[in-house]
C-alpha cells in the first residue's frame, strides 16, 4: 500500500502495511517488537525538526528500528485504516478519534493494542530515547509513564524556576467564579530547557504578551506538595493533582473555564503556536472548532491576508 504523500521525508526504517492495526500489533509481537504510530502533516516545522534531529540520532534510530514497528500516518490523510477495535476509518478520522491536536504525535502500543505512552509534539533526542526505552523494556507494568519521564528525561538547564509578574501567588485557590477570566495552569519543572526557552523567548514576544492578560495564570511544579483548590473546588495537593491530570511533560499548559478543563498544550511549542493556543481559548473558539490544527491554519491565513508575515517556527 502506498503511503500518503509527505512533503517532509520520512526515515527509510518506517514500514508500509495494509493499515489493519490488529494485524500490525500482531506482526510487531511476532517480531518481539512493539508498534509505534506517528502522526504528521505537511508543512509542520516540528515534524521537520523531529525528522532532521531526533530521528537521525543513533541511539534513537537503533531503538526505533530494532525494537518497534514504526508506521507513519498523515493527520489529514484519506487512506483507509482498520483500527484495533475493527472499525474502518480514514487517517484524518482516526486522528480525530484519538484527539490528535498537535503534530508530530507518536503513540506507543503494547501487545494488547493498548496505547501505553503518547508523545505530543517535538521531542528532543534524550526525551525520545527515554520514552522508547520505557515502552521497549515493558516498564508500564512497573511505573506510570509520567513518573518515569520526570525521573529519567532530564536536560541541561537551570536548577531554579523562573518567575513572571503575571503568575498567581499562593495560596492557590483556582475555582472559577461566574464571569472570571479563563484559567491557564502552567506546569514547569527545574532542569527543563524548554521551560527556559518559554521564559526567554515566548513570554517576550508581543503577540504572546498581548494575550496573557486575558487569563489568570498559575505556575505549578508537578512535585510540589503544597495545597491547591482545583478549578472544580477539590482540595488536594499540587503533586496529587498533577498525577490526576496525568502531567507528563514540561512545560504543559492546561486551560480551564467554569466547566473544567477545555484544552491543553503538552508539547514543545514556539511562540506562534503558543499565541494561537492562547487565542483559541480566550476567544472561545474551542467551543466551535474542535480541531486546534484547523484553527491554527485559519489564524495563519487570516494574519497573512492582513499583511503580516507568518513564520510557524518563529
C-alpha atoms as a PDB file:
ATOM      1  CA  UNK A   1       0.000   0.000   0.000  1.00  0.00           C
ATOM      2  CA  UNK A   2       1.350   3.431  -0.935  1.00  0.00           C
ATOM      3  CA  UNK A   3       1.717   5.916   1.918  1.00  0.00           C
ATOM      4  CA  UNK A   4       0.066   9.304   1.896  1.00  0.00           C
ATOM      5  CA  UNK A   5       2.411  11.846   0.308  1.00  0.00           C
ATOM      6  CA  UNK A   6       4.684  13.535   2.832  1.00  0.00           C
ATOM      7  CA  UNK A   7       6.427  16.779   1.951  1.00  0.00           C
ATOM      8  CA  UNK A   8       8.719  16.027   4.899  1.00  0.00           C
ATOM      9  CA  UNK A   9      10.792  12.972   4.057  1.00  0.00           C
ATOM     10  CA  UNK A  10      10.363  10.051   6.435  1.00  0.00           C
ATOM     11  CA  UNK A  11      13.249   7.863   7.598  1.00  0.00           C
ATOM     12  CA  UNK A  12      13.633   4.700   5.489  1.00  0.00           C
ATOM     13  CA  UNK A  13      13.023   2.476   8.507  1.00  0.00           C
ATOM     14  CA  UNK A  14       9.337   3.396   8.674  1.00  0.00           C
ATOM     15  CA  UNK A  15       7.367   0.444   7.295  1.00  0.00           C
ATOM     16  CA  UNK A  16       4.399   0.239   4.921  1.00  0.00           C
ATOM     17  CA  UNK A  17       1.500  -2.023   5.898  1.00  0.00           C
ATOM     18  CA  UNK A  18      -2.135  -2.506   4.922  1.00  0.00           C
ATOM     19  CA  UNK A  19      -3.018  -0.326   7.943  1.00  0.00           C
ATOM     20  CA  UNK A  20      -5.015  -3.005   9.733  1.00  0.00           C
ATOM     21  CA  UNK A  21      -3.785  -2.192  13.210  1.00  0.00           C
ATOM     22  CA  UNK A  22      -4.943  -5.529  14.596  1.00  0.00           C
ATOM     23  CA  UNK A  23      -2.524  -7.205  12.168  1.00  0.00           C
ATOM     24  CA  UNK A  24       0.191  -4.626  12.783  1.00  0.00           C
ATOM     25  CA  UNK A  25       0.120  -5.231  16.531  1.00  0.00           C
ATOM     26  CA  UNK A  26       0.275  -8.994  15.939  1.00  0.00           C
ATOM     27  CA  UNK A  27       3.172  -8.587  13.496  1.00  0.00           C
ATOM     28  CA  UNK A  28       5.091  -6.441  15.978  1.00  0.00           C
ATOM     29  CA  UNK A  29       4.506  -9.020  18.714  1.00  0.00           C
ATOM     30  CA  UNK A  30       5.681 -11.865  16.469  1.00  0.00           C
ATOM     31  CA  UNK A  31       8.955  -9.992  15.893  1.00  0.00           C
ATOM     32  CA  UNK A  32       9.411  -9.256  19.600  1.00  0.00           C
ATOM     33  CA  UNK A  33       8.715  -5.591  18.920  1.00  0.00           C
ATOM     34  CA  UNK A  34       6.071  -3.039  19.750  1.00  0.00           C
ATOM     35  CA  UNK A  35       4.019  -0.793  17.489  1.00  0.00           C
ATOM     36  CA  UNK A  36       4.936   2.888  17.054  1.00  0.00           C
ATOM     37  CA  UNK A  37       2.463   5.115  15.200  1.00  0.00           C
ATOM     38  CA  UNK A  38       3.472   8.596  14.043  1.00  0.00           C
ATOM     39  CA  UNK A  39       1.005  11.332  13.032  1.00  0.00           C
ATOM     40  CA  UNK A  40       2.449  14.186  10.965  1.00  0.00           C
ATOM     41  CA  UNK A  41       1.350  16.732   8.406  1.00  0.00           C
ATOM     42  CA  UNK A  42       2.899  18.569   5.506  1.00  0.00           C
ATOM     43  CA  UNK A  43       4.357  21.972   6.349  1.00  0.00           C
ATOM     44  CA  UNK A  44       4.790  21.120  10.041  1.00  0.00           C
ATOM     45  CA  UNK A  45       8.086  22.643  11.299  1.00  0.00           C
ATOM     46  CA  UNK A  46       8.034  20.443  14.413  1.00  0.00           C
ATOM     47  CA  UNK A  47       7.747  17.326  12.241  1.00  0.00           C
ATOM     48  CA  UNK A  48      10.660  18.511  10.120  1.00  0.00           C
ATOM     49  CA  UNK A  49      12.782  19.140  13.209  1.00  0.00           C
ATOM     50  CA  UNK A  50      11.905  15.706  14.585  1.00  0.00           C
ATOM     51  CA  UNK A  51      12.946  14.001  11.347  1.00  0.00           C
ATOM     52  CA  UNK A  52      16.143  16.023  10.916  1.00  0.00           C
ATOM     53  CA  UNK A  53      17.397  15.819  14.505  1.00  0.00           C
ATOM     54  CA  UNK A  54      15.780  13.280  16.811  1.00  0.00           C
ATOM     55  CA  UNK A  55      15.188  10.622  14.156  1.00  0.00           C
ATOM     56  CA  UNK A  56      18.788  10.879  12.947  1.00  0.00           C
ATOM     57  CA  UNK A  57      20.312  10.422  16.421  1.00  0.00           C
ATOM     58  CA  UNK A  58      21.972   6.994  16.578  1.00  0.00           C
ATOM     59  CA  UNK A  59      20.508   5.695  19.835  1.00  0.00           C
ATOM     60  CA  UNK A  60      17.005   6.779  18.831  1.00  0.00           C
ATOM     61  CA  UNK A  61      17.299   5.222  15.381  1.00  0.00           C
ATOM     62  CA  UNK A  62      18.623   1.943  16.821  1.00  0.00           C
ATOM     63  CA  UNK A  63      15.753   1.747  19.306  1.00  0.00           C
ATOM     64  CA  UNK A  64      13.083   2.619  16.744  1.00  0.00           C
ATOM     65  CA  UNK A  65      14.397   0.249  14.059  1.00  0.00           C
ATOM     66  CA  UNK A  66      15.143  -2.797  16.177  1.00  0.00           C
ATOM     67  CA  UNK A  67      12.504  -2.698  18.900  1.00  0.00           C
ATOM     68  CA  UNK A  68       9.484  -1.143  17.192  1.00  0.00           C
ATOM     69  CA  UNK A  69       7.349  -1.471  14.080  1.00  0.00           C
ATOM     70  CA  UNK A  70       7.116   2.223  13.033  1.00  0.00           C
ATOM     71  CA  UNK A  71       4.154   3.355  10.897  1.00  0.00           C
ATOM     72  CA  UNK A  72       3.571   6.901   9.616  1.00  0.00           C
ATOM     73  CA  UNK A  73       0.140   8.481   9.171  1.00  0.00           C
ATOM     74  CA  UNK A  74      -0.921  11.819   7.691  1.00  0.00           C
ATOM     75  CA  UNK A  75      -3.197  13.741  10.075  1.00  0.00           C
ATOM     76  CA  UNK A  76      -5.233  14.925   7.066  1.00  0.00           C
ATOM     77  CA  UNK A  77      -4.836  11.738   5.008  1.00  0.00           C
ATOM     78  CA  UNK A  78      -7.611   9.716   3.374  1.00  0.00           C
ATOM     79  CA  UNK A  79      -6.133   6.219   3.411  1.00  0.00           C
ATOM     80  CA  UNK A  80      -8.461   3.643   4.936  1.00  0.00           C
ATOM     81  CA  UNK A  81      -7.459   2.228   8.307  1.00  0.00           C
ATOM     82  CA  UNK A  82      -8.827  -0.679  10.309  1.00  0.00           C
ATOM     83  CA  UNK A  83      -8.480   0.342  13.916  1.00  0.00           C
ATOM     84  CA  UNK A  84      -7.738  -2.071  16.793  1.00  0.00           C
ATOM     85  CA  UNK A  85     -11.470  -2.485  17.505  1.00  0.00           C
ATOM     86  CA  UNK A  86     -12.229  -3.435  13.884  1.00  0.00           C
ATOM     87  CA  UNK A  87     -13.757  -0.128  12.837  1.00  0.00           C
ATOM     88  CA  UNK A  88     -12.758   1.261   9.440  1.00  0.00           C
ATOM     89  CA  UNK A  89     -11.962   4.950   9.075  1.00  0.00           C
ATOM     90  CA  UNK A  90      -9.620   7.328   7.282  1.00  0.00           C
ATOM     91  CA  UNK A  91      -6.350   8.653   8.675  1.00  0.00           C
ATOM     92  CA  UNK A  92      -7.943  12.003   9.494  1.00  0.00           C
ATOM     93  CA  UNK A  93     -10.910  10.305  11.155  1.00  0.00           C
ATOM     94  CA  UNK A  94      -8.538   8.248  13.297  1.00  0.00           C
ATOM     95  CA  UNK A  95      -6.666  11.416  14.229  1.00  0.00           C
ATOM     96  CA  UNK A  96      -9.938  12.972  15.383  1.00  0.00           C
ATOM     97  CA  UNK A  97     -10.897   9.773  17.234  1.00  0.00           C
ATOM     98  CA  UNK A  98      -7.565   9.803  19.088  1.00  0.00           C
ATOM     99  CA  UNK A  99      -7.831  13.561  19.744  1.00  0.00           C
ATOM    100  CA  UNK A 100      -4.569  14.332  17.951  1.00  0.00           C
ATOM    101  CA  UNK A 101      -4.258  18.116  18.251  1.00  0.00           C
ATOM    102  CA  UNK A 102      -0.542  18.511  17.608  1.00  0.00           C
ATOM    103  CA  UNK A 103       1.921  17.223  15.062  1.00  0.00           C
ATOM    104  CA  UNK A 104       4.034  15.305  15.430  1.00  0.00           C
ATOM    105  CA  UNK A 105       2.218  12.910  17.752  1.00  0.00           C
ATOM    106  CA  UNK A 106       3.590   9.437  18.469  1.00  0.00           C
ATOM    107  CA  UNK A 107       1.673   6.561  20.052  1.00  0.00           C
ATOM    108  CA  UNK A 108       3.397   3.523  21.560  1.00  0.00           C
ATOM    109  CA  UNK A 109       1.339   0.318  21.863  1.00  0.00           C
ATOM    110  CA  UNK A 110       1.589  -2.830  23.960  1.00  0.00           C
ATOM    111  CA  UNK A 111       0.761  -6.350  22.793  1.00  0.00           C
ATOM    112  CA  UNK A 112      -2.921  -5.884  23.684  1.00  0.00           C
ATOM    113  CA  UNK A 113      -3.187  -2.980  21.216  1.00  0.00           C
ATOM    114  CA  UNK A 114      -3.391  -0.508  24.100  1.00  0.00           C
ATOM    115  CA  UNK A 115      -1.646   2.870  23.976  1.00  0.00           C
ATOM    116  CA  UNK A 116       0.844   2.880  26.845  1.00  0.00           C
ATOM    117  CA  UNK A 117       2.610   6.153  26.012  1.00  0.00           C
ATOM    118  CA  UNK A 118       1.755   9.216  23.972  1.00  0.00           C
ATOM    119  CA  UNK A 119       4.272  11.810  22.800  1.00  0.00           C
ATOM    120  CA  UNK A 120       2.672  15.072  21.728  1.00  0.00           C
ATOM    121  CA  UNK A 121       4.782  17.459  19.703  1.00  0.00           C
ATOM    122  CA  UNK A 122       8.504  17.619  19.047  1.00  0.00           C
ATOM    123  CA  UNK A 123      10.678  15.545  21.376  1.00  0.00           C
ATOM    124  CA  UNK A 124      14.406  16.069  21.814  1.00  0.00           C
ATOM    125  CA  UNK A 125      16.653  13.028  21.367  1.00  0.00           C
ATOM    126  CA  UNK A 126      17.079  12.421  25.138  1.00  0.00           C
ATOM    127  CA  UNK A 127      13.318  12.570  25.744  1.00  0.00           C
ATOM    128  CA  UNK A 128      12.531  10.368  22.740  1.00  0.00           C
ATOM    129  CA  UNK A 129      15.122   7.792  23.753  1.00  0.00           C
ATOM    130  CA  UNK A 130      13.712   7.702  27.290  1.00  0.00           C
ATOM    131  CA  UNK A 131      10.144   7.174  26.038  1.00  0.00           C
ATOM    132  CA  UNK A 132      11.201   4.433  23.629  1.00  0.00           C
ATOM    133  CA  UNK A 133      13.101   2.642  26.387  1.00  0.00           C
ATOM    134  CA  UNK A 134      10.017   2.843  28.592  1.00  0.00           C
ATOM    135  CA  UNK A 135       7.896   1.024  26.008  1.00  0.00           C
ATOM    136  CA  UNK A 136      10.559  -1.339  24.673  1.00  0.00           C
ATOM    137  CA  UNK A 137      11.526  -2.509  28.176  1.00  0.00           C
ATOM    138  CA  UNK A 138       7.873  -3.081  29.191  1.00  0.00           C
ATOM    139  CA  UNK A 139       8.171  -0.648  32.103  1.00  0.00           C
ATOM    140  CA  UNK A 140       4.472   0.249  32.066  1.00  0.00           C
ATOM    141  CA  UNK A 141       3.887  -2.666  34.468  1.00  0.00           C
ATOM    142  CA  UNK A 142       6.314  -1.130  36.964  1.00  0.00           C
ATOM    143  CA  UNK A 143       5.671   2.616  36.975  1.00  0.00           C
ATOM    144  CA  UNK A 144       3.475   5.267  35.341  1.00  0.00           C
ATOM    145  CA  UNK A 145       4.876   6.922  32.235  1.00  0.00           C
ATOM    146  CA  UNK A 146       4.703  10.387  33.835  1.00  0.00           C
ATOM    147  CA  UNK A 147       6.757   9.304  36.853  1.00  0.00           C
ATOM    148  CA  UNK A 148       9.353   7.633  34.644  1.00  0.00           C
ATOM    149  CA  UNK A 149       9.775  10.651  32.372  1.00  0.00           C
ATOM    150  CA  UNK A 150      10.012  13.005  35.343  1.00  0.00           C
ATOM    151  CA  UNK A 151      12.857  10.923  36.764  1.00  0.00           C
ATOM    152  CA  UNK A 152      14.753   9.940  33.616  1.00  0.00           C
ATOM    153  CA  UNK A 153      14.222  12.562  30.905  1.00  0.00           C
ATOM    154  CA  UNK A 154      16.330  15.379  32.339  1.00  0.00           C
ATOM    155  CA  UNK A 155      18.005  18.051  30.217  1.00  0.00           C
ATOM    156  CA  UNK A 156      20.859  20.510  30.792  1.00  0.00           C
ATOM    157  CA  UNK A 157      19.113  23.565  32.229  1.00  0.00           C
ATOM    158  CA  UNK A 158      18.789  25.699  35.332  1.00  0.00           C
ATOM    159  CA  UNK A 159      18.111  24.137  38.720  1.00  0.00           C
ATOM    160  CA  UNK A 160      15.784  27.024  39.586  1.00  0.00           C
ATOM    161  CA  UNK A 161      12.424  28.108  38.226  1.00  0.00           C
ATOM    162  CA  UNK A 162      11.891  31.478  36.547  1.00  0.00           C
ATOM    163  CA  UNK A 163       9.139  33.696  37.917  1.00  0.00           C
ATOM    164  CA  UNK A 164       6.925  36.110  35.983  1.00  0.00           C
ATOM    165  CA  UNK A 165       4.920  39.058  37.353  1.00  0.00           C
ATOM    166  CA  UNK A 166       1.670  37.671  35.908  1.00  0.00           C
ATOM    167  CA  UNK A 167       1.841  34.374  37.812  1.00  0.00           C
ATOM    168  CA  UNK A 168      -0.727  33.961  40.581  1.00  0.00           C
ATOM    169  CA  UNK A 169       0.736  33.864  44.073  1.00  0.00           C
ATOM    170  CA  UNK A 170      -0.018  31.126  46.625  1.00  0.00           C
ATOM    171  CA  UNK A 171      -2.219  30.054  48.253  1.00  0.00           C
ATOM    172  CA  UNK A 172      -3.624  28.540  45.065  1.00  0.00           C
ATOM    173  CA  UNK A 173      -7.406  28.889  45.029  1.00  0.00           C
ATOM    174  CA  UNK A 174      -8.225  28.148  41.413  1.00  0.00           C
ATOM    175  CA  UNK A 175     -12.020  27.915  41.391  1.00  0.00           C
ATOM    176  CA  UNK A 176     -13.693  29.815  38.576  1.00  0.00           C
ATOM    177  CA  UNK A 177     -16.436  32.218  39.729  1.00  0.00           C
ATOM    178  CA  UNK A 178     -19.020  33.313  37.188  1.00  0.00           C
ATOM    179  CA  UNK A 179     -17.584  35.841  34.779  1.00  0.00           C
ATOM    180  CA  UNK A 180     -13.976  35.126  35.685  1.00  0.00           C
ATOM    181  CA  UNK A 181     -11.237  35.050  33.097  1.00  0.00           C
ATOM    182  CA  UNK A 182     -10.249  31.607  31.872  1.00  0.00           C
ATOM    183  CA  UNK A 183      -7.523  29.942  33.910  1.00  0.00           C
ATOM    184  CA  UNK A 184      -4.219  28.777  32.453  1.00  0.00           C
ATOM    185  CA  UNK A 185      -2.228  26.395  34.639  1.00  0.00           C
ATOM    186  CA  UNK A 186       1.386  26.120  33.546  1.00  0.00           C
ATOM    187  CA  UNK A 187       3.247  23.070  34.846  1.00  0.00           C
ATOM    188  CA  UNK A 188       7.016  23.555  34.807  1.00  0.00           C
ATOM    189  CA  UNK A 189       9.975  21.840  36.429  1.00  0.00           C
ATOM    190  CA  UNK A 190      13.636  22.600  37.004  1.00  0.00           C
ATOM    191  CA  UNK A 191      16.315  21.324  34.586  1.00  0.00           C
ATOM    192  CA  UNK A 192      13.882  21.951  31.711  1.00  0.00           C
ATOM    193  CA  UNK A 193      15.439  23.648  28.696  1.00  0.00           C
ATOM    194  CA  UNK A 194      12.042  24.079  27.001  1.00  0.00           C
ATOM    195  CA  UNK A 195      10.764  25.874  30.110  1.00  0.00           C
ATOM    196  CA  UNK A 196      13.723  28.240  29.990  1.00  0.00           C
ATOM    197  CA  UNK A 197      13.061  28.929  26.309  1.00  0.00           C
ATOM    198  CA  UNK A 198       9.431  29.714  27.134  1.00  0.00           C
ATOM    199  CA  UNK A 199      10.510  32.470  29.535  1.00  0.00           C
ATOM    200  CA  UNK A 200      13.368  33.693  27.387  1.00  0.00           C
ATOM    201  CA  UNK A 201      11.501  33.887  24.079  1.00  0.00           C
ATOM    202  CA  UNK A 202       7.745  33.276  24.077  1.00  0.00           C
ATOM    203  CA  UNK A 203       6.828  35.470  27.047  1.00  0.00           C
ATOM    204  CA  UNK A 204       8.807  38.341  25.498  1.00  0.00           C
ATOM    205  CA  UNK A 205       7.006  38.229  22.147  1.00  0.00           C
ATOM    206  CA  UNK A 206       4.413  40.943  21.579  1.00  0.00           C
ATOM    207  CA  UNK A 207       1.792  38.554  20.166  1.00  0.00           C
ATOM    208  CA  UNK A 208       2.045  36.372  23.280  1.00  0.00           C
ATOM    209  CA  UNK A 209       2.336  39.215  25.799  1.00  0.00           C
ATOM    210  CA  UNK A 210      -0.859  40.820  24.466  1.00  0.00           C
ATOM    211  CA  UNK A 211      -2.843  37.647  25.146  1.00  0.00           C
ATOM    212  CA  UNK A 212      -1.514  36.737  28.601  1.00  0.00           C
ATOM    213  CA  UNK A 213      -3.657  39.366  30.452  1.00  0.00           C
ATOM    214  CA  UNK A 214      -6.777  37.591  29.195  1.00  0.00           C
ATOM    215  CA  UNK A 215      -6.012  34.750  31.653  1.00  0.00           C
ATOM    216  CA  UNK A 216      -5.395  34.071  35.293  1.00  0.00           C
ATOM    217  CA  UNK A 217      -2.121  32.134  35.138  1.00  0.00           C
ATOM    218  CA  UNK A 218      -0.916  29.760  37.838  1.00  0.00           C
ATOM    219  CA  UNK A 219       2.562  28.249  37.520  1.00  0.00           C
ATOM    220  CA  UNK A 220       2.907  24.949  39.378  1.00  0.00           C
ATOM    221  CA  UNK A 221       5.537  22.241  39.634  1.00  0.00           C
ATOM    222  CA  UNK A 222       4.367  18.602  39.487  1.00  0.00           C
ATOM    223  CA  UNK A 223       6.400  17.651  42.575  1.00  0.00           C
ATOM    224  CA  UNK A 224       5.039  20.445  44.807  1.00  0.00           C
ATOM    225  CA  UNK A 225       3.303  19.161  47.957  1.00  0.00           C
ATOM    226  CA  UNK A 226       1.554  22.447  48.732  1.00  0.00           C
ATOM    227  CA  UNK A 227      -2.214  22.610  48.980  1.00  0.00           C
ATOM    228  CA  UNK A 228      -4.301  23.628  45.998  1.00  0.00           C
ATOM    229  CA  UNK A 229      -8.021  24.028  45.450  1.00  0.00           C
ATOM    230  CA  UNK A 230      -8.668  22.956  41.885  1.00  0.00           C
ATOM    231  CA  UNK A 231     -10.924  24.799  39.420  1.00  0.00           C
ATOM    232  CA  UNK A 232     -13.736  22.378  40.309  1.00  0.00           C
ATOM    233  CA  UNK A 233     -13.320  23.024  44.041  1.00  0.00           C
ATOM    234  CA  UNK A 234     -11.396  19.888  45.026  1.00  0.00           C
ATOM    235  CA  UNK A 235      -8.991  20.362  47.932  1.00  0.00           C
ATOM    236  CA  UNK A 236      -5.785  18.440  47.252  1.00  0.00           C
ATOM    237  CA  UNK A 237      -2.046  18.956  46.769  1.00  0.00           C
ATOM    238  CA  UNK A 238      -0.277  20.104  43.628  1.00  0.00           C
ATOM    239  CA  UNK A 239       1.586  16.811  43.189  1.00  0.00           C
ATOM    240  CA  UNK A 240      -1.593  14.748  43.642  1.00  0.00           C
ATOM    241  CA  UNK A 241      -3.468  16.989  41.196  1.00  0.00           C
ATOM    242  CA  UNK A 242      -0.638  16.716  38.658  1.00  0.00           C
ATOM    243  CA  UNK A 243      -0.928  12.926  38.871  1.00  0.00           C
ATOM    244  CA  UNK A 244      -4.701  13.147  38.486  1.00  0.00           C
ATOM    245  CA  UNK A 245      -4.237  15.317  35.376  1.00  0.00           C
ATOM    246  CA  UNK A 246      -1.566  12.895  34.073  1.00  0.00           C
ATOM    247  CA  UNK A 247       1.011  15.621  33.619  1.00  0.00           C
ATOM    248  CA  UNK A 248       3.989  14.060  31.832  1.00  0.00           C
ATOM    249  CA  UNK A 249       5.765  16.901  30.049  1.00  0.00           C
ATOM    250  CA  UNK A 250       7.224  20.254  30.967  1.00  0.00           C
ATOM    251  CA  UNK A 251       6.111  22.776  30.125  1.00  0.00           C
ATOM    252  CA  UNK A 252       2.445  21.761  29.956  1.00  0.00           C
ATOM    253  CA  UNK A 253      -0.403  24.273  29.721  1.00  0.00           C
ATOM    254  CA  UNK A 254      -3.854  23.216  30.955  1.00  0.00           C
ATOM    255  CA  UNK A 255      -6.717  25.639  30.295  1.00  0.00           C
ATOM    256  CA  UNK A 256      -9.948  25.781  32.296  1.00  0.00           C
ATOM    257  CA  UNK A 257     -13.246  27.601  32.105  1.00  0.00           C
ATOM    258  CA  UNK A 258     -16.166  27.340  34.532  1.00  0.00           C
ATOM    259  CA  UNK A 259     -16.981  23.833  33.251  1.00  0.00           C
ATOM    260  CA  UNK A 260     -13.488  22.394  33.818  1.00  0.00           C
ATOM    261  CA  UNK A 261     -10.558  21.610  31.531  1.00  0.00           C
ATOM    262  CA  UNK A 262     -11.141  22.725  27.944  1.00  0.00           C
ATOM    263  CA  UNK A 263      -7.740  22.406  26.258  1.00  0.00           C
ATOM    264  CA  UNK A 264      -4.110  21.626  26.933  1.00  0.00           C
ATOM    265  CA  UNK A 265      -0.729  22.083  25.286  1.00  0.00           C
ATOM    266  CA  UNK A 266       1.786  19.418  26.298  1.00  0.00           C
ATOM    267  CA  UNK A 267       4.410  19.685  23.617  1.00  0.00           C
ATOM    268  CA  UNK A 268       7.376  21.798  22.604  1.00  0.00           C
ATOM    269  CA  UNK A 269       5.781  24.995  21.269  1.00  0.00           C
ATOM    270  CA  UNK A 270       7.222  28.023  19.519  1.00  0.00           C
ATOM    271  CA  UNK A 271       5.717  31.496  20.141  1.00  0.00           C
ATOM    272  CA  UNK A 272       3.354  31.464  17.136  1.00  0.00           C
ATOM    273  CA  UNK A 273       1.690  28.255  18.319  1.00  0.00           C
ATOM    274  CA  UNK A 274       1.575  29.395  21.955  1.00  0.00           C
ATOM    275  CA  UNK A 275      -0.134  32.621  20.857  1.00  0.00           C
ATOM    276  CA  UNK A 276      -2.529  30.518  18.779  1.00  0.00           C
ATOM    277  CA  UNK A 277      -3.370  28.368  21.815  1.00  0.00           C
ATOM    278  CA  UNK A 278      -3.958  31.427  23.986  1.00  0.00           C
ATOM    279  CA  UNK A 279      -6.250  32.945  21.349  1.00  0.00           C
ATOM    280  CA  UNK A 280      -8.014  29.601  20.782  1.00  0.00           C
ATOM    281  CA  UNK A 281      -9.122  29.593  24.427  1.00  0.00           C
ATOM    282  CA  UNK A 282      -9.500  33.311  25.195  1.00  0.00           C
ATOM    283  CA  UNK A 283     -11.678  33.917  22.127  1.00  0.00           C
ATOM    284  CA  UNK A 284     -13.902  30.941  22.912  1.00  0.00           C
ATOM    285  CA  UNK A 285     -13.035  29.366  19.546  1.00  0.00           C
ATOM    286  CA  UNK A 286     -12.573  25.981  21.235  1.00  0.00           C
ATOM    287  CA  UNK A 287     -16.355  25.828  21.671  1.00  0.00           C
ATOM    288  CA  UNK A 288     -16.934  25.967  17.903  1.00  0.00           C
ATOM    289  CA  UNK A 289     -13.800  24.450  16.355  1.00  0.00           C
ATOM    290  CA  UNK A 290     -12.795  21.129  17.886  1.00  0.00           C
ATOM    291  CA  UNK A 291      -9.619  20.886  15.799  1.00  0.00           C
ATOM    292  CA  UNK A 292      -6.859  23.135  17.079  1.00  0.00           C
ATOM    293  CA  UNK A 293      -4.856  22.450  13.904  1.00  0.00           C
ATOM    294  CA  UNK A 294      -7.640  23.867  11.716  1.00  0.00           C
ATOM    295  CA  UNK A 295      -7.849  26.905  13.985  1.00  0.00           C
ATOM    296  CA  UNK A 296      -4.090  27.450  13.629  1.00  0.00           C
ATOM    297  CA  UNK A 297      -4.302  27.197   9.838  1.00  0.00           C
ATOM    298  CA  UNK A 298      -7.207  29.644   9.686  1.00  0.00           C
ATOM    299  CA  UNK A 299      -5.405  32.062  12.019  1.00  0.00           C
ATOM    300  CA  UNK A 300      -2.245  31.950   9.892  1.00  0.00           C
ATOM    301  CA  UNK A 301      -4.262  32.609   6.715  1.00  0.00           C
ATOM    302  CA  UNK A 302      -6.098  35.497   8.393  1.00  0.00           C
ATOM    303  CA  UNK A 303      -2.841  37.103   9.544  1.00  0.00           C
ATOM    304  CA  UNK A 304      -1.250  36.734   6.109  1.00  0.00           C
ATOM    305  CA  UNK A 305      -4.329  38.294   4.497  1.00  0.00           C
ATOM    306  CA  UNK A 306      -3.885  41.262   6.850  1.00  0.00           C
ATOM    307  CA  UNK A 307      -0.325  41.772   5.664  1.00  0.00           C
ATOM    308  CA  UNK A 308       1.536  40.033   8.493  1.00  0.00           C
ATOM    309  CA  UNK A 309       4.451  37.747   7.757  1.00  0.00           C
ATOM    310  CA  UNK A 310       3.715  34.427   9.444  1.00  0.00           C
ATOM    311  CA  UNK A 311       6.537  32.011  10.244  1.00  0.00           C
ATOM    312  CA  UNK A 312       5.208  28.991  12.120  1.00  0.00           C
ATOM    313  CA  UNK A 313       8.618  28.247  13.552  1.00  0.00           C
ATOM    314  CA  UNK A 314       9.304  31.761  14.832  1.00  0.00           C
END
